Amino acid sequence: MSVAAAVIDVGWVNGLAAIRSLGRAGIRVLAVDHRPSALGFRSKYTDDRMVCPDPFEDEHRFVNFVRALGEVVAFPTHDDSLNAVARYADDLEVLTPFPSWDVLERVQSKRAQLEQASAAGVAVPETRYPTSATAARELDLPVVVKPEHPVEFKRRFRRQAFRCDTVAQLDEAYARTEEFGPIVQELVPGGDDTLYSVGSYVDRDGRALGIFCGRKLRQTPRGIGTCRVGEAIWVQEAVDDALRLLDAFAYRGLSQVEFKRDPRDGRYKLMEINARLWQWHGLATACGVDLPRIAYADLIGVTPPDATMDGHGKRWAITLLPGERPAPQRPPYVDAVFSLDDPKPGLVHLARVARSALR
């Protein structure tokens, strides 16, 4: 337990949840972010607050910053810092809850995800990889256009994909996605509440030491966005498909595998794999599957705590968001920001929401 945990990118709720998880276990937590205003810096479970170079703007300086941390267990919560640490992991002392760069780079390719899923017998939406705007029109509308290489795409457009209901929208989406490797997929019918996530930690021997399953109830923005409200629910088919897909990649570490249940055939179709802690992993912890704690223990050679998912039906929510209506939930639920034992991040967030409303 003498090894510190460095949670990197703590500006929002995924980093904050990791800080709280590790800090409550008595682990020394270093909160690392390139923004002095990062929400995680306000947590009482943060032992050291460290402003680092932006991993996207200056990867070399960021890596040198991480190198200076020495031996820590690193928990990047966004792809920029994840990729920077992974690319140079062999030259760093950090212990990492994700696979080597050669595996990680392949997993982050949306095309590789889909092709590996098909080979492993995991259902995927009908998909095309067009090389021209004309070829992109092969599937019936509506469709989703997403990039094969998502990191820079997300930063530039602040979204994960484009929904296209008309040919004009499709042509525009193809043009904007062309440099990132366009992927055109059928839009699987169903609302936000048909999106299911399987979060897990797989050790070096390929054993899943912790597994969580849940579904989104609401996204921001609706349709294609990030989780606003989530619910714990165990779906064995989704769990089996996720673990089979991770095994096909020889994946080791933390991940989230997301599916969408297709009402036409009842199958769970792959949406994406995230090779890190995802936005609402705090619900997994609240349901007995403390993935940051499990990963930390395994990496330092300590037997991880037993993890059996309970709390079926328990919810997680970002109750308050600037510019949006409040989203309180029926108990029992976990708020992503507000916590009685760690109130300061909630107070800071409340002030930011209030300032936004006044503007």
Protein backbone atom coordinates (compact mmCIF):
# COMPACT_ATOMS: atom_id res chain seq x y z
CA MET A 1 0.00 0.00 0.00
CA SER A 2 3.06 2.27 0.04
CA VAL A 3 2.87 2.73 -3.74
CA ALA A 4 0.90 5.85 -4.66
CA ALA A 5 -1.87 5.90 -7.24
CA ALA A 6 -1.73 8.67 -9.85
CA VAL A 7 -5.16 9.48 -11.28
CA ILE A 8 -4.55 11.42 -14.49
CA ASP A 9 -7.18 13.74 -16.00
CA VAL A 10 -9.33 14.52 -12.97
CA GLY A 11 -11.35 17.36 -14.44
CA TRP A 12 -14.61 15.46 -14.37
CA VAL A 13 -16.52 12.65 -12.71
CA ASN A 14 -14.57 9.62 -13.94
CA GLY A 15 -11.38 10.98 -12.39
CA LEU A 16 -13.20 12.09 -9.25
CA ALA A 17 -14.71 8.62 -8.79
CA ALA A 18 -11.29 7.00 -9.09
CA ILE A 19 -9.82 9.39 -6.51
CA ARG A 20 -12.60 8.61 -4.05
CA SER A 21 -12.38 4.86 -4.62
CA LEU A 22 -8.64 4.72 -4.00
CA GLY A 23 -8.58 7.33 -1.23
CA ARG A 24 -11.30 5.61 0.77
CA ALA A 25 -9.13 2.47 0.72
CA GLY A 26 -6.32 4.40 2.41
CA ILE A 27 -4.17 4.63 -0.71
CA ARG A 28 -2.10 7.77 -1.30
CA VAL A 29 -3.62 9.53 -4.31
CA LEU A 30 -1.87 11.93 -6.67
CA ALA A 31 -4.38 13.94 -8.71
CA VAL A 32 -2.83 14.97 -12.03
CA ASP A 33 -4.37 17.34 -14.56
CA HIS A 34 -3.29 20.10 -16.94
CA ARG A 35 -6.17 22.32 -15.76
CA PRO A 36 -5.82 24.04 -12.37
CA SER A 37 -9.63 24.13 -12.15
CA ALA A 38 -9.94 20.31 -12.29
CA LEU A 39 -12.79 19.11 -10.08
CA GLY A 40 -10.72 16.24 -8.64
CA PHE A 41 -8.28 18.73 -7.11
CA ARG A 42 -11.05 19.65 -4.65
CA SER A 43 -11.48 16.15 -3.23
CA LYS A 44 -10.34 15.54 0.34
CA TYR A 45 -9.02 12.17 -0.85
CA THR A 46 -6.40 13.90 -2.99
CA ASP A 47 -3.06 13.85 -1.17
CA ASP A 48 -1.13 15.79 -3.83
CA ARG A 49 -2.50 18.07 -6.55
CA MET A 50 -0.22 18.22 -9.58
CA VAL A 51 -0.69 20.46 -12.62
CA CYS A 52 0.96 18.72 -15.58
CA PRO A 53 1.55 19.62 -19.24
CA ASP A 54 -1.35 18.94 -21.59
CA PRO A 55 -0.72 15.43 -22.98
CA PHE A 56 -2.30 16.38 -26.30
CA GLU A 57 -0.49 19.69 -26.78
CA ASP A 58 2.91 18.57 -25.51
CA GLU A 59 3.18 14.81 -25.16
CA HIS A 60 6.97 14.86 -24.63
CA ARG A 61 6.78 17.18 -21.59
CA PHE A 62 3.81 15.25 -20.23
CA VAL A 63 5.72 11.95 -20.43
CA ASN A 64 8.69 13.53 -18.67
CA PHE A 65 6.31 14.71 -15.96
CA VAL A 66 4.98 11.16 -15.50
CA ARG A 67 8.54 9.81 -15.50
CA ALA A 68 9.37 12.10 -12.58
CA LEU A 69 6.56 10.53 -10.52
CA GLY A 70 8.60 7.34 -10.24
CA GLU A 71 6.84 4.13 -9.28
CA VAL A 72 3.11 4.78 -9.15
CA VAL A 73 0.02 2.97 -10.34
CA ALA A 74 -1.23 5.21 -13.14
CA PHE A 75 -4.95 5.57 -13.88
CA PRO A 76 -5.42 7.69 -17.03
CA THR A 77 -9.12 8.47 -17.44
CA HIS A 78 -9.00 9.91 -20.98
CA ASP A 79 -7.45 8.68 -24.20
CA ASP A 80 -4.86 11.47 -24.62
CA SER A 81 -3.06 10.64 -21.38
CA LEU A 82 -3.72 6.92 -21.73
CA ASN A 83 -2.01 6.77 -25.11
CA ALA A 84 0.91 8.93 -24.05
CA VAL A 85 1.66 6.74 -21.03
CA ALA A 86 1.15 3.52 -23.00
CA ARG A 87 3.49 4.54 -25.83
CA TYR A 88 6.34 5.16 -23.39
CA ALA A 89 5.45 2.64 -20.68
CA ASP A 90 8.64 0.59 -21.24
CA ASP A 91 10.67 3.70 -20.36
CA LEU A 92 8.66 4.55 -17.24
CA GLU A 93 8.45 3.09 -13.74
CA VAL A 94 4.66 3.32 -13.67
CA LEU A 95 2.47 0.27 -13.12
CA THR A 96 -0.33 0.31 -15.66
CA PRO A 97 -3.85 -1.20 -15.60
CA PHE A 98 -3.97 -1.48 -19.40
CA PRO A 99 -2.22 -3.65 -22.01
CA SER A 100 0.98 -2.97 -23.90
CA TRP A 101 0.90 -0.35 -26.64
CA ASP A 102 0.81 -2.88 -29.48
CA VAL A 103 -2.41 -4.37 -28.09
CA LEU A 104 -3.87 -1.04 -27.00
CA GLU A 105 -3.31 0.63 -30.36
CA ARG A 106 -5.19 -2.17 -32.12
CA VAL A 107 -8.03 -2.13 -29.58
CA GLN A 108 -8.51 1.61 -30.12
CA SER A 109 -9.13 1.12 -33.83
CA LYS A 110 -12.90 1.02 -34.28
CA ARG A 111 -12.44 -1.11 -37.37
CA ALA A 112 -10.28 -3.63 -35.51
CA GLN A 113 -12.91 -3.79 -32.77
CA LEU A 114 -15.63 -4.64 -35.25
CA GLU A 115 -13.54 -7.14 -37.21
CA GLN A 116 -12.34 -8.91 -34.06
CA ALA A 117 -15.90 -9.02 -32.72
CA SER A 118 -17.18 -10.63 -35.91
CA ALA A 119 -14.38 -13.20 -35.80
CA ALA A 120 -15.22 -13.98 -32.15
CA GLY A 121 -18.93 -14.42 -32.83
CA VAL A 122 -19.97 -11.16 -31.17
CA ALA A 123 -22.77 -9.36 -32.99
CA VAL A 124 -22.07 -6.02 -34.69
CA PRO A 125 -24.25 -3.54 -36.59
CA GLU A 126 -24.22 -3.75 -40.39
CA THR A 127 -21.12 -1.79 -41.33
CA ARG A 128 -19.29 -0.38 -44.34
CA TYR A 129 -15.81 1.12 -44.72
CA PRO A 130 -16.35 3.47 -47.70
CA THR A 131 -13.56 5.10 -49.67
CA SER A 132 -15.80 7.70 -51.30
CA ALA A 133 -18.90 9.73 -50.48
CA THR A 134 -20.82 7.73 -53.06
CA ALA A 135 -19.85 4.43 -51.46
CA ALA A 136 -20.93 5.80 -48.08
CA ARG A 137 -24.55 5.82 -49.30
CA GLU A 138 -24.78 2.06 -49.60
CA LEU A 139 -26.72 1.49 -46.37
CA ASP A 140 -30.29 2.65 -45.87
CA LEU A 141 -30.77 5.81 -43.81
CA PRO A 142 -30.57 6.62 -40.96
CA VAL A 143 -26.93 5.73 -40.40
CA VAL A 144 -24.12 6.62 -38.02
CA VAL A 145 -20.76 7.84 -39.32
CA LYS A 146 -17.86 7.35 -36.90
CA PRO A 147 -14.05 7.43 -37.20
CA GLU A 148 -11.77 4.42 -37.21
CA HIS A 149 -9.27 6.53 -35.24
CA PRO A 150 -11.32 8.43 -32.64
CA VAL A 151 -8.96 10.37 -30.37
CA GLU A 152 -8.27 13.45 -32.51
CA PHE A 153 -11.79 13.24 -33.98
CA LYS A 154 -13.37 13.56 -30.51
CA ARG A 155 -11.15 16.49 -29.62
CA ARG A 156 -11.94 18.34 -32.83
CA PHE A 157 -15.69 17.75 -33.03
CA ARG A 158 -16.52 17.12 -29.35
CA ARG A 159 -18.61 14.12 -30.24
CA GLN A 160 -18.19 10.42 -30.91
CA ALA A 161 -20.07 10.14 -34.20
CA PHE A 162 -22.53 11.82 -36.55
CA ARG A 163 -26.12 10.66 -36.95
CA CYS A 164 -27.31 11.10 -40.54
CA ASP A 165 -30.97 11.09 -41.53
CA THR A 166 -30.50 12.60 -45.01
CA VAL A 167 -28.08 12.16 -47.88
CA ALA A 168 -26.87 15.75 -47.38
CA GLN A 169 -26.04 15.00 -43.74
CA LEU A 170 -24.28 11.81 -44.77
CA ASP A 171 -22.15 13.61 -47.37
CA GLU A 172 -21.17 16.26 -44.84
CA ALA A 173 -20.36 13.67 -42.15
CA TYR A 174 -18.25 11.67 -44.57
CA ALA A 175 -16.26 14.76 -45.54
CA ARG A 176 -15.61 15.67 -41.90
CA THR A 177 -14.60 12.12 -41.00
CA GLU A 178 -12.58 11.29 -44.11
CA GLU A 179 -9.13 11.94 -42.63
CA PHE A 180 -9.92 9.71 -39.61
CA GLY A 181 -11.05 6.64 -41.58
CA PRO A 182 -14.85 6.82 -42.01
CA ILE A 183 -17.02 3.95 -40.81
CA VAL A 184 -20.69 3.94 -41.80
CA GLN A 185 -23.07 1.81 -39.74
CA GLU A 186 -26.76 1.15 -39.67
CA LEU A 187 -28.45 2.98 -36.81
CA VAL A 188 -29.56 0.20 -34.48
CA PRO A 189 -33.07 1.18 -33.32
CA GLY A 190 -33.76 1.87 -29.68
CA GLY A 191 -33.31 4.61 -27.12
CA ASP A 192 -30.56 5.40 -24.66
CA ASP A 193 -31.90 2.72 -22.31
CA THR A 194 -30.90 -0.03 -24.75
CA LEU A 195 -27.16 0.71 -24.33
CA TYR A 196 -25.43 -1.78 -22.02
CA SER A 197 -21.92 -1.62 -20.58
CA VAL A 198 -19.69 -4.35 -19.20
CA GLY A 199 -16.83 -2.99 -17.10
CA SER A 200 -14.06 -5.31 -15.95
CA TYR A 201 -10.50 -5.78 -14.81
CA VAL A 202 -8.62 -8.72 -16.35
CA ASP A 203 -5.34 -9.77 -14.74
CA ARG A 204 -2.13 -10.92 -16.48
CA ASP A 205 -3.37 -14.53 -16.53
CA GLY A 206 -6.58 -13.56 -18.29
CA ARG A 207 -8.83 -13.88 -15.24
CA ALA A 208 -11.58 -11.33 -14.77
CA LEU A 209 -11.14 -10.23 -11.13
CA GLY A 210 -14.07 -7.83 -11.22
CA ILE A 211 -17.06 -7.55 -13.56
CA PHE A 212 -19.85 -4.97 -13.60
CA CYS A 213 -22.82 -4.79 -15.93
CA GLY A 214 -25.27 -1.94 -16.35
CA ARG A 215 -27.18 0.11 -18.85
CA LYS A 216 -27.57 3.75 -19.65
CA LEU A 217 -30.95 5.28 -19.03
CA ARG A 218 -30.14 8.70 -20.42
CA GLN A 219 -27.29 10.30 -22.36
CA THR A 220 -26.15 13.87 -22.91
CA PRO A 221 -26.85 14.71 -25.65
CA ARG A 222 -29.55 12.12 -26.18
CA GLY A 223 -28.92 9.51 -28.85
CA ILE A 224 -25.14 9.80 -29.21
CA GLY A 225 -23.49 11.13 -26.08
CA THR A 226 -22.13 10.35 -22.63
CA CYS A 227 -24.01 8.83 -19.71
CA ARG A 228 -26.19 11.14 -17.63
CA VAL A 229 -28.14 8.41 -15.81
CA GLY A 230 -27.11 4.76 -15.51
CA GLU A 231 -28.53 1.66 -13.84
CA ALA A 232 -26.96 -1.57 -12.56
CA ILE A 233 -28.39 -4.64 -14.28
CA TRP A 234 -26.73 -7.98 -14.96
CA VAL A 235 -27.13 -9.33 -18.51
CA GLN A 236 -25.25 -12.60 -18.87
CA GLU A 237 -25.20 -12.51 -22.68
CA ALA A 238 -23.53 -9.10 -22.71
CA VAL A 239 -21.03 -10.18 -20.04
CA ASP A 240 -20.13 -13.34 -21.97
CA ASP A 241 -19.72 -11.44 -25.24
CA ALA A 242 -17.55 -8.76 -23.62
CA LEU A 243 -15.20 -11.26 -22.00
CA ARG A 244 -14.96 -13.30 -25.20
CA LEU A 245 -14.07 -10.20 -27.18
CA LEU A 246 -11.44 -9.07 -24.67
CA ASP A 247 -9.93 -12.55 -24.71
CA ALA A 248 -9.75 -12.47 -28.52
CA PHE A 249 -7.61 -9.33 -28.23
CA ALA A 250 -5.54 -10.91 -25.41
CA TYR A 251 -6.63 -7.83 -23.48
CA ARG A 252 -5.38 -7.26 -19.94
CA GLY A 253 -6.45 -4.45 -17.63
CA LEU A 254 -9.43 -2.15 -17.13
CA SER A 255 -12.02 -1.73 -19.85
CA GLN A 256 -15.58 -0.91 -20.73
CA VAL A 257 -17.33 -2.76 -23.55
CA GLU A 258 -20.57 -1.17 -24.72
CA PHE A 259 -23.38 -2.88 -26.60
CA LYS A 260 -26.78 -1.88 -27.92
CA ARG A 261 -29.65 -4.33 -27.73
CA ASP A 262 -31.27 -4.64 -31.15
CA PRO A 263 -35.05 -5.11 -30.76
CA ARG A 264 -35.22 -6.71 -34.20
CA ASP A 265 -33.33 -9.84 -33.14
CA GLY A 266 -32.69 -9.35 -29.42
CA ARG A 267 -28.91 -9.48 -29.83
CA TYR A 268 -26.42 -7.21 -28.11
CA LYS A 269 -24.41 -5.46 -30.83
CA LEU A 270 -20.98 -3.97 -30.20
CA MET A 271 -20.76 -0.21 -30.03
CA GLU A 272 -17.21 0.30 -28.71
CA ILE A 273 -14.45 -0.71 -26.33
CA ASN A 274 -12.91 1.87 -23.98
CA ALA A 275 -9.53 0.78 -22.63
CA ARG A 276 -9.79 2.69 -19.36
CA LEU A 277 -12.16 3.69 -16.60
CA TRP A 278 -15.34 5.09 -18.13
CA GLN A 279 -17.49 8.01 -17.00
CA TRP A 280 -19.90 6.14 -14.71
CA HIS A 281 -17.61 3.51 -13.20
CA GLY A 282 -18.55 4.94 -9.80
CA LEU A 283 -21.74 2.88 -10.02
CA ALA A 284 -19.67 -0.31 -10.25
CA THR A 285 -17.92 0.64 -7.01
CA ALA A 286 -21.29 1.33 -5.36
CA CYS A 287 -22.40 -2.16 -6.42
CA GLY A 288 -19.42 -3.96 -4.88
CA VAL A 289 -17.08 -4.01 -7.88
CA ASP A 290 -14.42 -1.44 -7.01
CA LEU A 291 -12.40 -1.64 -10.20
CA PRO A 292 -9.72 0.97 -9.37
CA ARG A 293 -9.09 -0.73 -6.02
CA ILE A 294 -8.98 -4.20 -7.64
CA ALA A 295 -6.54 -3.04 -10.32
CA TYR A 296 -4.32 -1.29 -7.79
CA ALA A 297 -4.09 -4.33 -5.53
CA ASP A 298 -3.33 -6.69 -8.40
CA LEU A 299 -0.60 -4.48 -9.84
CA ILE A 300 1.27 -4.10 -6.54
CA GLY A 301 1.06 -7.84 -5.86
CA VAL A 302 -1.61 -7.81 -3.16
CA THR A 303 -4.66 -10.08 -3.30
CA PRO A 304 -7.52 -7.91 -4.55
CA PRO A 305 -10.71 -7.66 -2.51
CA ASP A 306 -13.49 -10.06 -3.45
CA ALA A 307 -15.85 -8.50 -5.96
CA THR A 308 -19.38 -9.69 -6.54
CA MET A 309 -21.82 -7.32 -8.15
CA ASP A 310 -24.87 -6.49 -6.06
CA GLY A 311 -27.20 -3.51 -6.03
CA HIS A 312 -29.38 -4.61 -8.98
CA GLY A 313 -31.41 -1.59 -10.04
CA LYS A 314 -29.21 0.93 -8.23
CA ARG A 315 -28.74 4.09 -10.25
CA TRP A 316 -26.00 6.64 -10.90
CA ALA A 317 -26.62 10.15 -12.13
CA ILE A 318 -25.06 13.51 -12.82
CA THR A 319 -27.94 15.24 -11.08
CA LEU A 320 -26.95 18.78 -12.08
CA LEU A 321 -25.39 19.85 -15.38
CA PRO A 322 -24.93 23.41 -16.64
CA GLY A 323 -27.60 24.33 -19.16
CA GLU A 324 -29.74 21.24 -18.52
CA ARG A 325 -32.65 20.31 -16.31
CA PRO A 326 -31.86 18.52 -13.03
CA ALA A 327 -32.00 14.73 -13.21
CA PRO A 328 -32.75 13.48 -9.66
CA GLN A 329 -33.38 9.74 -9.41
CA ARG A 330 -35.35 7.46 -7.16
CA PRO A 331 -33.26 6.01 -4.32
CA PRO A 332 -31.00 4.20 -4.05
CA TYR A 333 -28.77 6.14 -6.36
CA VAL A 334 -25.24 7.48 -6.45
CA ASP A 335 -24.62 11.06 -7.45
CA ALA A 336 -21.55 11.47 -9.66
CA VAL A 337 -20.36 14.62 -7.85
CA PHE A 338 -22.14 15.13 -4.51
CA SER A 339 -20.96 13.01 -1.59
CA LEU A 340 -21.50 13.49 2.13
CA ASP A 341 -18.00 12.30 3.03
CA ASP A 342 -16.34 14.47 0.33
CA PRO A 343 -18.49 17.60 -0.01
CA LYS A 344 -16.14 20.16 -1.56
CA PRO A 345 -16.29 18.91 -5.19
CA GLY A 346 -20.09 19.07 -4.97
CA LEU A 347 -20.05 22.62 -3.65
CA VAL A 348 -17.64 23.72 -6.39
CA HIS A 349 -19.79 22.02 -9.01
CA LEU A 350 -22.96 23.61 -7.62
CA ALA A 351 -21.36 27.05 -7.85
CA ARG A 352 -20.40 26.41 -11.46
CA VAL A 353 -23.92 25.29 -12.34
CA ALA A 354 -25.35 28.39 -10.64
CA ARG A 355 -22.97 30.71 -12.52
CA SER A 356 -23.96 29.05 -15.77
CA ALA A 357 -27.65 29.57 -14.99
CA LEU A 358 -27.10 33.26 -14.21
CA ARG A 359 -25.31 33.75 -17.53
